[in-house]
Structures are given as structure tokens and as C-alpha cells.
Amino acid sequence: MGRWAFLLLVLAGASGLAQSNDPAALDRCQAVFQSLRPQFAYAERAAPQRFFLRVVLGLDGLPVTRITVNIDLTPVPLGLEDIAVVALERPLQDALRLRNQLARRFEGVLQNINLGNWYVVEPRGYRCFLTFQGRVVGVLVLGRDLEPLSDPRWLAAYQRSPVRFPAIEPVIRSP
């Protein structure tokens, strides 16, 4: 019985380290989440004729999180992106079809995504989690000052992509 009590104490302590009691962090995550809008989308090459479809969400020109979506623009859980690989058999026609589909449904990507009610403290700030049907599909990172952080690799991947929406270069502000 003593071992179980010790194990429960260790687990309780570990979960306390994973999330602090800073209500301002979760409140700020909620405020940023409510302001998120799709910024741009692109196909990222996974193999010669296979791509991941990525949608970058942000606010006021600052990309702050990226999600992977299926061909029907349904978010894919983190870690399961391989099931969302899109195969292009006829690259030009399929690329045009994907771009048209992104244009039609781009704004609806956020409809069923929620903000998880937990966050994790990390050395550079906080991680909040975007969920779809109870599974984590994206991560929103806030700095110690509770301002959202961006990843410049997303814009670079967009610029290299053969399929992107919008087709013109987005205007991105620096954090």
C-alpha cells in the first residue's frame, strides 16, 4: 500500500510541474485562439508525388500555429500526419483541384477546432493545445510575456510549395 501512495504522490507532483497555476496564461491562450484566422495554406512534399496539406493560423499577419488537414480539410491529430498524406497522380490537375478546394473551404477550417483547457509551461513560455474531436491537432506557443510566438519555417515551406493558397505571397509581420 505504501508503494501506491508514493507513486500517487510522484504522479501528482509531476502533473503539477506540467501545468502551473497561472490563470493569465490560459486566459491569454483563449484570447489569442478567439482571434485566430487562416493566414495561408500549402502542400508540403512528403515523397515525390505525396504531400501534407498544412494550414497556418494566425492573427493580424502573424502566423502562430499550423495544423495538418486531410483532403477534405478535416484536421489531423498530431503524430498521425502520415494518414493525411495526399497523393498526386496528375500533378498539375490535382494541384489545381487542391488549390480550388482550399479556396472554397479555407475560412471554414476553424469551425470545429477548440482550445484545450490545459497548458504546459516550458522554458520559453507556454504551450496551449488546439483540439478537434478531443485530439490535439495543433500547438499555440506563447512567450514568457504571454505574446504568441511564430515559426519562420512555415513561411519558408509555403514559399517552396508547388500548391499554395493564396497563390500570392502573404504579408507577414515580425513578432
N, C-alpha and C. Protein backbone atom coordinates (compact mmCIF):
# COMPACT_ATOMS: atom_id res chain seq x y z
N MET A 1 0.82 -1.19 0.00
CA MET A 1 0.00 0.00 0.00
C MET A 1 0.87 1.26 0.00
N GLY A 2 2.01 1.19 0.70
CA GLY A 2 2.90 2.33 0.77
C GLY A 2 3.47 2.70 -0.59
N ARG A 3 3.75 1.68 -1.43
CA ARG A 3 4.27 1.95 -2.77
C ARG A 3 3.26 2.73 -3.61
N TRP A 4 1.99 2.34 -3.52
CA TRP A 4 0.95 3.01 -4.30
C TRP A 4 0.79 4.46 -3.87
N ALA A 5 0.85 4.71 -2.57
CA ALA A 5 0.74 6.08 -2.08
C ALA A 5 1.92 6.92 -2.59
N PHE A 6 3.13 6.35 -2.56
CA PHE A 6 4.31 7.05 -3.06
C PHE A 6 4.16 7.34 -4.55
N LEU A 7 3.70 6.34 -5.30
CA LEU A 7 3.52 6.52 -6.74
C LEU A 7 2.50 7.61 -7.04
N LEU A 8 1.41 7.65 -6.28
CA LEU A 8 0.41 8.69 -6.47
C LEU A 8 0.97 10.07 -6.16
N LEU A 9 1.80 10.18 -5.13
CA LEU A 9 2.43 11.46 -4.80
C LEU A 9 3.37 11.91 -5.91
N VAL A 10 4.14 10.98 -6.46
CA VAL A 10 5.06 11.32 -7.55
C VAL A 10 4.28 11.78 -8.77
N LEU A 11 3.21 11.05 -9.12
CA LEU A 11 2.41 11.45 -10.28
C LEU A 11 1.74 12.80 -10.07
N ALA A 12 1.25 13.05 -8.87
CA ALA A 12 0.63 14.35 -8.58
C ALA A 12 1.65 15.47 -8.70
N GLY A 13 2.87 15.24 -8.23
CA GLY A 13 3.93 16.24 -8.35
C GLY A 13 4.31 16.48 -9.79
N ALA A 14 4.38 15.41 -10.58
CA ALA A 14 4.74 15.56 -12.00
C ALA A 14 3.69 16.34 -12.75
N SER A 15 2.40 16.10 -12.45
CA SER A 15 1.37 16.85 -13.15
C SER A 15 1.38 18.31 -12.72
N GLY A 16 1.81 18.58 -11.48
CA GLY A 16 1.94 19.96 -11.03
C GLY A 16 3.04 20.69 -11.77
N LEU A 17 4.09 19.97 -12.15
CA LEU A 17 5.16 20.58 -12.93
C LEU A 17 4.72 20.84 -14.36
N ALA A 18 3.86 19.98 -14.88
CA ALA A 18 3.42 20.12 -16.26
C ALA A 18 2.56 21.36 -16.46
N GLN A 19 1.78 21.73 -15.44
CA GLN A 19 0.93 22.90 -15.58
C GLN A 19 1.00 23.71 -14.30
N SER A 20 1.34 24.96 -14.41
CA SER A 20 1.38 25.79 -13.21
C SER A 20 0.00 26.38 -12.99
N ASN A 21 -0.12 27.15 -11.97
CA ASN A 21 -1.41 27.76 -11.64
C ASN A 21 -1.45 29.21 -12.08
N ASP A 22 -1.03 29.50 -13.28
CA ASP A 22 -1.03 30.85 -13.82
C ASP A 22 -2.27 31.03 -14.69
N PRO A 23 -3.37 31.53 -14.11
CA PRO A 23 -4.61 31.67 -14.90
C PRO A 23 -4.46 32.65 -16.05
N ALA A 24 -3.51 33.58 -15.96
CA ALA A 24 -3.32 34.55 -17.04
C ALA A 24 -2.89 33.85 -18.33
N ALA A 25 -2.10 32.77 -18.21
CA ALA A 25 -1.63 32.06 -19.41
C ALA A 25 -2.80 31.44 -20.16
N LEU A 26 -3.70 30.77 -19.46
CA LEU A 26 -4.84 30.14 -20.14
C LEU A 26 -5.80 31.20 -20.68
N ASP A 27 -5.96 32.29 -19.94
CA ASP A 27 -6.82 33.38 -20.43
C ASP A 27 -6.24 33.99 -21.70
N ARG A 28 -4.93 34.17 -21.75
CA ARG A 28 -4.29 34.74 -22.93
C ARG A 28 -4.38 33.76 -24.11
N CYS A 29 -4.19 32.46 -23.83
CA CYS A 29 -4.36 31.46 -24.89
C CYS A 29 -5.76 31.55 -25.48
N GLN A 30 -6.76 31.70 -24.62
CA GLN A 30 -8.14 31.80 -25.08
C GLN A 30 -8.34 33.04 -25.94
N ALA A 31 -7.77 34.17 -25.52
CA ALA A 31 -7.91 35.41 -26.29
C ALA A 31 -7.25 35.28 -27.66
N VAL A 32 -6.05 34.70 -27.70
CA VAL A 32 -5.36 34.51 -28.98
C VAL A 32 -6.14 33.53 -29.84
N PHE A 33 -6.61 32.43 -29.25
CA PHE A 33 -7.37 31.43 -30.01
C PHE A 33 -8.60 32.05 -30.66
N GLN A 34 -9.32 32.89 -29.93
CA GLN A 34 -10.53 33.50 -30.47
C GLN A 34 -10.23 34.47 -31.62
N SER A 35 -9.00 34.96 -31.68
CA SER A 35 -8.61 35.89 -32.75
C SER A 35 -7.98 35.20 -33.95
N LEU A 36 -7.73 33.89 -33.86
CA LEU A 36 -7.06 33.17 -34.95
C LEU A 36 -7.89 33.19 -36.22
N ARG A 37 -7.20 33.38 -37.33
CA ARG A 37 -7.80 33.30 -38.66
C ARG A 37 -6.82 32.57 -39.56
N PRO A 38 -7.32 31.83 -40.56
CA PRO A 38 -6.39 31.20 -41.51
C PRO A 38 -5.56 32.27 -42.22
N GLN A 39 -4.25 32.07 -42.28
CA GLN A 39 -3.35 33.01 -42.93
C GLN A 39 -2.98 32.53 -44.33
N PHE A 40 -2.56 31.28 -44.41
CA PHE A 40 -2.21 30.68 -45.68
C PHE A 40 -2.19 29.17 -45.54
N ALA A 41 -2.20 28.48 -46.67
CA ALA A 41 -2.17 27.02 -46.70
C ALA A 41 -1.21 26.60 -47.81
N TYR A 42 -0.64 25.42 -47.64
CA TYR A 42 0.29 24.93 -48.64
C TYR A 42 0.39 23.41 -48.56
N ALA A 43 0.91 22.84 -49.63
CA ALA A 43 1.19 21.40 -49.66
C ALA A 43 2.68 21.23 -49.42
N GLU A 44 3.02 20.41 -48.44
CA GLU A 44 4.43 20.16 -48.12
C GLU A 44 4.79 18.76 -48.60
N ARG A 45 5.83 18.66 -49.40
CA ARG A 45 6.22 17.40 -50.02
C ARG A 45 6.64 16.38 -48.96
N ALA A 46 6.02 15.18 -49.01
CA ALA A 46 6.38 14.07 -48.13
C ALA A 46 7.14 13.01 -48.91
N ALA A 47 6.88 12.92 -50.20
CA ALA A 47 7.54 11.99 -51.13
C ALA A 47 7.37 12.61 -52.52
N PRO A 48 7.96 12.00 -53.56
CA PRO A 48 7.87 12.63 -54.89
C PRO A 48 6.46 13.05 -55.33
N GLN A 49 5.46 12.23 -55.11
CA GLN A 49 4.10 12.57 -55.53
C GLN A 49 3.13 12.61 -54.35
N ARG A 50 3.64 12.76 -53.13
CA ARG A 50 2.79 12.77 -51.93
C ARG A 50 3.06 14.02 -51.11
N PHE A 51 1.99 14.60 -50.57
CA PHE A 51 2.08 15.87 -49.87
C PHE A 51 1.27 15.85 -48.58
N PHE A 52 1.70 16.66 -47.62
CA PHE A 52 0.88 17.01 -46.46
C PHE A 52 0.20 18.33 -46.79
N LEU A 53 -1.06 18.47 -46.44
CA LEU A 53 -1.73 19.76 -46.59
C LEU A 53 -1.65 20.47 -45.25
N ARG A 54 -1.04 21.64 -45.22
CA ARG A 54 -0.85 22.41 -43.99
C ARG A 54 -1.64 23.72 -44.06
N VAL A 55 -2.29 24.07 -42.98
CA VAL A 55 -3.00 25.35 -42.86
C VAL A 55 -2.36 26.09 -41.69
N VAL A 56 -1.91 27.31 -41.94
CA VAL A 56 -1.28 28.13 -40.91
C VAL A 56 -2.30 29.15 -40.43
N LEU A 57 -2.49 29.17 -39.12
CA LEU A 57 -3.43 30.09 -38.49
C LEU A 57 -2.66 31.18 -37.78
N GLY A 58 -3.24 32.37 -37.74
CA GLY A 58 -2.55 33.47 -37.07
C GLY A 58 -3.49 34.61 -36.79
N LEU A 59 -2.89 35.72 -36.40
CA LEU A 59 -3.67 36.92 -36.14
C LEU A 59 -2.90 38.13 -36.64
N ASP A 60 -3.61 39.00 -37.32
CA ASP A 60 -3.02 40.24 -37.86
C ASP A 60 -1.72 40.01 -38.61
N GLY A 61 -1.66 39.00 -39.45
CA GLY A 61 -0.47 38.75 -40.25
C GLY A 61 0.64 38.02 -39.54
N LEU A 62 0.44 37.59 -38.31
CA LEU A 62 1.45 36.84 -37.57
C LEU A 62 1.02 35.38 -37.50
N PRO A 63 1.69 34.48 -38.23
CA PRO A 63 1.34 33.07 -38.17
C PRO A 63 1.77 32.49 -36.82
N VAL A 64 0.83 31.87 -36.09
CA VAL A 64 1.16 31.39 -34.75
C VAL A 64 0.98 29.89 -34.53
N THR A 65 0.29 29.21 -35.42
CA THR A 65 0.15 27.76 -35.29
C THR A 65 -0.13 27.15 -36.65
N ARG A 66 0.19 25.88 -36.77
CA ARG A 66 0.00 25.18 -38.04
C ARG A 66 -0.69 23.86 -37.75
N ILE A 67 -1.67 23.53 -38.60
CA ILE A 67 -2.33 22.23 -38.49
C ILE A 67 -2.22 21.51 -39.82
N THR A 68 -2.27 20.19 -39.76
CA THR A 68 -2.30 19.36 -40.95
C THR A 68 -3.75 18.94 -41.17
N VAL A 69 -4.19 18.94 -42.43
CA VAL A 69 -5.57 18.58 -42.74
C VAL A 69 -5.61 17.48 -43.79
N ASN A 70 -6.71 16.73 -43.77
CA ASN A 70 -6.98 15.74 -44.82
C ASN A 70 -7.39 16.46 -46.09
N ILE A 71 -7.60 15.70 -47.13
CA ILE A 71 -8.02 16.26 -48.41
C ILE A 71 -9.36 17.00 -48.29
N ASP A 72 -10.21 16.61 -47.32
CA ASP A 72 -11.47 17.30 -47.10
C ASP A 72 -11.35 18.44 -46.08
N LEU A 73 -10.11 18.81 -45.76
CA LEU A 73 -9.78 19.89 -44.83
C LEU A 73 -10.21 19.60 -43.39
N THR A 74 -10.30 18.33 -43.01
CA THR A 74 -10.55 17.93 -41.64
C THR A 74 -9.21 17.85 -40.92
N PRO A 75 -9.08 18.48 -39.75
CA PRO A 75 -7.79 18.46 -39.04
C PRO A 75 -7.36 17.04 -38.66
N VAL A 76 -6.06 16.80 -38.72
CA VAL A 76 -5.46 15.51 -38.41
C VAL A 76 -4.73 15.63 -37.08
N PRO A 77 -4.91 14.67 -36.16
CA PRO A 77 -4.19 14.73 -34.87
C PRO A 77 -2.68 14.74 -35.06
N LEU A 78 -2.00 15.48 -34.17
CA LEU A 78 -0.53 15.50 -34.19
C LEU A 78 -0.02 14.08 -33.99
N GLY A 79 1.02 13.74 -34.72
CA GLY A 79 1.59 12.40 -34.64
C GLY A 79 0.97 11.43 -35.62
N LEU A 80 -0.17 11.77 -36.20
CA LEU A 80 -0.84 10.89 -37.17
C LEU A 80 -0.86 11.52 -38.56
N GLU A 81 0.05 12.43 -38.81
CA GLU A 81 0.07 13.13 -40.09
C GLU A 81 0.25 12.19 -41.28
N ASP A 82 0.91 11.05 -41.08
CA ASP A 82 1.12 10.12 -42.19
C ASP A 82 -0.19 9.62 -42.79
N ILE A 83 -1.26 9.58 -42.00
CA ILE A 83 -2.54 9.13 -42.54
C ILE A 83 -3.18 10.20 -43.42
N ALA A 84 -2.65 11.42 -43.34
CA ALA A 84 -3.23 12.53 -44.10
C ALA A 84 -2.47 12.83 -45.37
N VAL A 85 -1.52 12.00 -45.74
CA VAL A 85 -0.73 12.27 -46.93
C VAL A 85 -1.64 12.23 -48.16
N VAL A 86 -1.51 13.25 -48.99
CA VAL A 86 -2.30 13.35 -50.22
C VAL A 86 -1.41 12.92 -51.38
N ALA A 87 -1.87 11.98 -52.16
CA ALA A 87 -1.11 11.53 -53.33
C ALA A 87 -1.60 12.28 -54.56
N LEU A 88 -0.66 12.82 -55.32
CA LEU A 88 -0.99 13.50 -56.56
C LEU A 88 -0.59 12.59 -57.72
N GLU A 89 -1.60 12.09 -58.45
CA GLU A 89 -1.31 11.22 -59.58
C GLU A 89 -1.08 12.03 -60.85
N ARG A 90 -1.84 13.10 -60.98
CA ARG A 90 -1.68 14.01 -62.12
C ARG A 90 -1.31 15.36 -61.53
N PRO A 91 -0.03 15.63 -61.32
CA PRO A 91 0.40 16.79 -60.53
C PRO A 91 -0.28 18.12 -60.89
N LEU A 92 -0.34 18.49 -62.14
CA LEU A 92 -0.90 19.79 -62.48
C LEU A 92 -2.41 19.85 -62.21
N GLN A 93 -3.16 18.85 -62.68
CA GLN A 93 -4.61 18.85 -62.47
C GLN A 93 -4.95 18.72 -60.98
N ASP A 94 -4.23 17.82 -60.28
CA ASP A 94 -4.51 17.64 -58.86
C ASP A 94 -4.13 18.88 -58.07
N ALA A 95 -3.06 19.56 -58.45
CA ALA A 95 -2.66 20.78 -57.76
C ALA A 95 -3.73 21.85 -57.92
N LEU A 96 -4.28 21.97 -59.12
CA LEU A 96 -5.36 22.95 -59.34
C LEU A 96 -6.60 22.58 -58.54
N ARG A 97 -6.92 21.30 -58.49
CA ARG A 97 -8.08 20.84 -57.70
C ARG A 97 -7.89 21.16 -56.23
N LEU A 98 -6.70 20.88 -55.68
CA LEU A 98 -6.42 21.18 -54.28
C LEU A 98 -6.50 22.68 -54.01
N ARG A 99 -5.94 23.47 -54.88
CA ARG A 99 -5.98 24.93 -54.70
C ARG A 99 -7.42 25.43 -54.72
N ASN A 100 -8.24 24.92 -55.63
CA ASN A 100 -9.64 25.33 -55.68
C ASN A 100 -10.39 24.91 -54.42
N GLN A 101 -10.11 23.72 -53.94
CA GLN A 101 -10.76 23.25 -52.72
C GLN A 101 -10.34 24.09 -51.52
N LEU A 102 -9.06 24.42 -51.44
CA LEU A 102 -8.59 25.29 -50.36
C LEU A 102 -9.29 26.65 -50.44
N ALA A 103 -9.43 27.19 -51.63
CA ALA A 103 -10.08 28.50 -51.79
C ALA A 103 -11.54 28.44 -51.32
N ARG A 104 -12.24 27.36 -51.62
CA ARG A 104 -13.65 27.24 -51.24
C ARG A 104 -13.84 27.07 -49.74
N ARG A 105 -12.99 26.29 -49.11
CA ARG A 105 -13.24 25.89 -47.72
C ARG A 105 -12.24 26.46 -46.72
N PHE A 106 -11.38 27.36 -47.16
CA PHE A 106 -10.29 27.88 -46.33
C PHE A 106 -10.79 28.48 -45.02
N GLU A 107 -11.76 29.36 -45.09
CA GLU A 107 -12.24 30.04 -43.89
C GLU A 107 -12.97 29.11 -42.93
N GLY A 108 -13.46 27.97 -43.39
CA GLY A 108 -14.20 27.06 -42.52
C GLY A 108 -13.33 26.11 -41.71
N VAL A 109 -12.02 26.18 -41.87
CA VAL A 109 -11.12 25.24 -41.19
C VAL A 109 -11.26 25.34 -39.68
N LEU A 110 -11.46 26.53 -39.15
CA LEU A 110 -11.50 26.74 -37.70
C LEU A 110 -12.83 26.36 -37.05
N GLN A 111 -13.85 26.04 -37.82
CA GLN A 111 -15.19 25.85 -37.27
C GLN A 111 -15.26 24.84 -36.14
N ASN A 112 -14.60 23.71 -36.25
CA ASN A 112 -14.73 22.65 -35.25
C ASN A 112 -13.49 22.47 -34.40
N ILE A 113 -12.57 23.41 -34.46
CA ILE A 113 -11.36 23.33 -33.63
C ILE A 113 -11.63 24.08 -32.33
N ASN A 114 -11.17 23.49 -31.23
CA ASN A 114 -11.35 24.09 -29.91
C ASN A 114 -9.99 24.28 -29.25
N LEU A 115 -9.99 25.08 -28.20
CA LEU A 115 -8.81 25.25 -27.38
C LEU A 115 -8.93 24.31 -26.19
N GLY A 116 -7.90 23.49 -25.96
CA GLY A 116 -7.91 22.62 -24.79
C GLY A 116 -7.89 23.47 -23.52
N ASN A 117 -8.38 22.89 -22.42
CA ASN A 117 -8.44 23.65 -21.17
C ASN A 117 -7.22 23.41 -20.29
N TRP A 118 -6.08 23.18 -20.91
CA TRP A 118 -4.83 23.00 -20.18
C TRP A 118 -3.70 23.61 -20.99
N TYR A 119 -2.59 23.81 -20.33
CA TYR A 119 -1.39 24.32 -20.98
C TYR A 119 -0.18 23.72 -20.28
N VAL A 120 0.96 23.83 -20.92
CA VAL A 120 2.20 23.31 -20.36
C VAL A 120 3.21 24.46 -20.30
N VAL A 121 3.90 24.55 -19.19
CA VAL A 121 4.96 25.55 -19.05
C VAL A 121 6.23 24.96 -19.63
N GLU A 122 6.92 25.75 -20.44
CA GLU A 122 8.20 25.34 -21.00
C GLU A 122 9.20 26.47 -20.81
N PRO A 123 10.47 26.24 -21.05
CA PRO A 123 11.47 27.28 -20.78
C PRO A 123 11.21 28.62 -21.48
N ARG A 124 10.70 28.59 -22.71
CA ARG A 124 10.50 29.86 -23.40
C ARG A 124 9.10 30.45 -23.21
N GLY A 125 8.21 29.75 -22.50
CA GLY A 125 6.88 30.28 -22.27
C GLY A 125 5.86 29.20 -21.97
N TYR A 126 4.78 29.20 -22.75
CA TYR A 126 3.65 28.31 -22.50
C TYR A 126 3.22 27.65 -23.81
N ARG A 127 2.73 26.43 -23.72
CA ARG A 127 2.14 25.72 -24.86
C ARG A 127 0.68 25.47 -24.56
N CYS A 128 -0.19 25.94 -25.45
CA CYS A 128 -1.62 25.67 -25.37
C CYS A 128 -1.95 24.76 -26.54
N PHE A 129 -3.01 23.99 -26.42
CA PHE A 129 -3.27 22.94 -27.40
C PHE A 129 -4.62 23.14 -28.09
N LEU A 130 -4.58 23.05 -29.42
CA LEU A 130 -5.80 23.10 -30.23
C LEU A 130 -6.29 21.67 -30.40
N THR A 131 -7.59 21.46 -30.25
CA THR A 131 -8.14 20.11 -30.34
C THR A 131 -9.25 20.04 -31.38
N PHE A 132 -9.43 18.86 -31.91
CA PHE A 132 -10.51 18.55 -32.84
C PHE A 132 -11.02 17.17 -32.44
N GLN A 133 -12.28 17.09 -32.05
CA GLN A 133 -12.89 15.85 -31.59
C GLN A 133 -12.06 15.20 -30.48
N GLY A 134 -11.57 16.01 -29.56
CA GLY A 134 -10.85 15.52 -28.40
C GLY A 134 -9.39 15.16 -28.63
N ARG A 135 -8.88 15.36 -29.83
CA ARG A 135 -7.48 15.04 -30.12
C ARG A 135 -6.71 16.31 -30.46
N VAL A 136 -5.47 16.37 -30.03
CA VAL A 136 -4.64 17.54 -30.26
C VAL A 136 -4.24 17.60 -31.73
N VAL A 137 -4.54 18.74 -32.37
CA VAL A 137 -4.21 18.92 -33.79
C VAL A 137 -3.23 20.07 -34.02
N GLY A 138 -2.97 20.86 -32.99
CA GLY A 138 -2.05 21.97 -33.14
C GLY A 138 -1.60 22.50 -31.79
N VAL A 139 -0.52 23.25 -31.81
CA VAL A 139 0.05 23.83 -30.59
C VAL A 139 0.20 25.33 -30.79
N LEU A 140 -0.25 26.08 -29.82
CA LEU A 140 -0.13 27.53 -29.79
C LEU A 140 0.91 27.86 -28.73
N VAL A 141 2.00 28.51 -29.12
CA VAL A 141 3.09 28.80 -28.19
C VAL A 141 3.07 30.29 -27.84
N LEU A 142 3.07 30.56 -26.53
CA LEU A 142 3.16 31.92 -26.01
C LEU A 142 4.50 32.10 -25.33
N GLY A 143 5.08 33.27 -25.48
CA GLY A 143 6.33 33.58 -24.79
C GLY A 143 6.08 33.86 -23.32
N ARG A 144 7.13 34.10 -22.57
CA ARG A 144 7.00 34.43 -21.14
C ARG A 144 6.16 35.68 -20.93
N ASP A 145 6.16 36.58 -21.93
CA ASP A 145 5.37 37.81 -21.85
C ASP A 145 3.92 37.60 -22.30
N LEU A 146 3.55 36.33 -22.55
CA LEU A 146 2.20 35.92 -22.97
C LEU A 146 1.84 36.39 -24.38
N GLU A 147 2.84 36.75 -25.17
CA GLU A 147 2.60 37.10 -26.57
C GLU A 147 2.85 35.86 -27.43
N PRO A 148 2.04 35.65 -28.48
CA PRO A 148 2.21 34.46 -29.33
C PRO A 148 3.54 34.49 -30.08
N LEU A 149 4.13 33.31 -30.22
CA LEU A 149 5.39 33.15 -30.94
C LEU A 149 5.12 32.51 -32.30
N SER A 150 5.91 32.88 -33.29
CA SER A 150 5.75 32.38 -34.64
C SER A 150 6.94 31.50 -35.01
N ASP A 151 6.77 30.71 -36.05
CA ASP A 151 7.86 29.87 -36.55
C ASP A 151 8.13 30.26 -38.00
N PRO A 152 9.29 30.85 -38.30
CA PRO A 152 9.58 31.30 -39.68
C PRO A 152 9.67 30.16 -40.69
N ARG A 153 9.82 28.92 -40.22
CA ARG A 153 9.89 27.79 -41.15
C ARG A 153 8.59 27.59 -41.91
N TRP A 154 7.46 28.01 -41.34
CA TRP A 154 6.18 27.85 -42.03
C TRP A 154 6.12 28.70 -43.29
N LEU A 155 6.57 29.94 -43.21
CA LEU A 155 6.57 30.80 -44.39
C LEU A 155 7.55 30.28 -45.43
N ALA A 156 8.69 29.79 -45.00
CA ALA A 156 9.68 29.23 -45.94
C ALA A 156 9.10 28.01 -46.65
N ALA A 157 8.39 27.15 -45.93
CA ALA A 157 7.76 25.97 -46.55
C ALA A 157 6.68 26.41 -47.54
N TYR A 158 5.92 27.43 -47.19
CA TYR A 158 4.90 27.97 -48.09
C TYR A 158 5.54 28.47 -49.38
N GLN A 159 6.64 29.19 -49.26
CA GLN A 159 7.31 29.76 -50.43
C GLN A 159 7.85 28.68 -51.36
N ARG A 160 8.25 27.53 -50.82
CA ARG A 160 8.77 26.43 -51.64
C ARG A 160 7.68 25.55 -52.22
N SER A 161 6.47 25.68 -51.72
CA SER A 161 5.40 24.75 -52.07
C SER A 161 4.91 24.90 -53.51
N PRO A 162 4.64 23.77 -54.19
CA PRO A 162 4.07 23.84 -55.53
C PRO A 162 2.56 24.15 -55.50
N VAL A 163 1.92 23.89 -54.36
CA VAL A 163 0.49 24.17 -54.20
C VAL A 163 0.34 25.04 -52.96
N ARG A 164 -0.16 26.26 -53.16
CA ARG A 164 -0.33 27.14 -52.02
C ARG A 164 -1.54 28.04 -52.21
N PHE A 165 -2.10 28.45 -51.10
CA PHE A 165 -3.25 29.35 -51.12
C PHE A 165 -3.09 30.35 -49.99
N PRO A 166 -3.25 31.60 -50.19
CA PRO A 166 -3.45 32.20 -51.50
C PRO A 166 -2.19 32.07 -52.35
N ALA A 167 -2.39 32.18 -53.63
CA ALA A 167 -1.26 31.99 -54.55
C ALA A 167 -0.26 33.13 -54.46
N ILE A 168 -0.70 34.28 -53.94
CA ILE A 168 0.21 35.41 -53.79
C ILE A 168 0.90 35.33 -52.43
N GLU A 169 2.04 35.96 -52.33
CA GLU A 169 2.82 35.95 -51.09
C GLU A 169 2.09 36.69 -49.97
N PRO A 170 1.83 36.03 -48.82
CA PRO A 170 1.17 36.75 -47.73
C PRO A 170 2.12 37.78 -47.11
N VAL A 171 1.56 38.84 -46.59
CA VAL A 171 2.35 39.85 -45.90
C VAL A 171 2.39 39.44 -44.44
N ILE A 172 3.59 39.12 -43.98
CA ILE A 172 3.77 38.63 -42.61
C ILE A 172 4.51 39.69 -41.81
N ARG A 173 3.98 39.99 -40.64
CA ARG A 173 4.70 40.92 -39.77
C ARG A 173 5.57 40.12 -38.82
N SER A 174 6.62 40.73 -38.34
CA SER A 174 7.51 40.04 -37.40
C SER A 174 6.96 40.18 -35.99
N PRO A 175 7.24 39.18 -35.12
CA PRO A 175 6.69 39.21 -33.76
C PRO A 175 7.26 40.32 -32.92
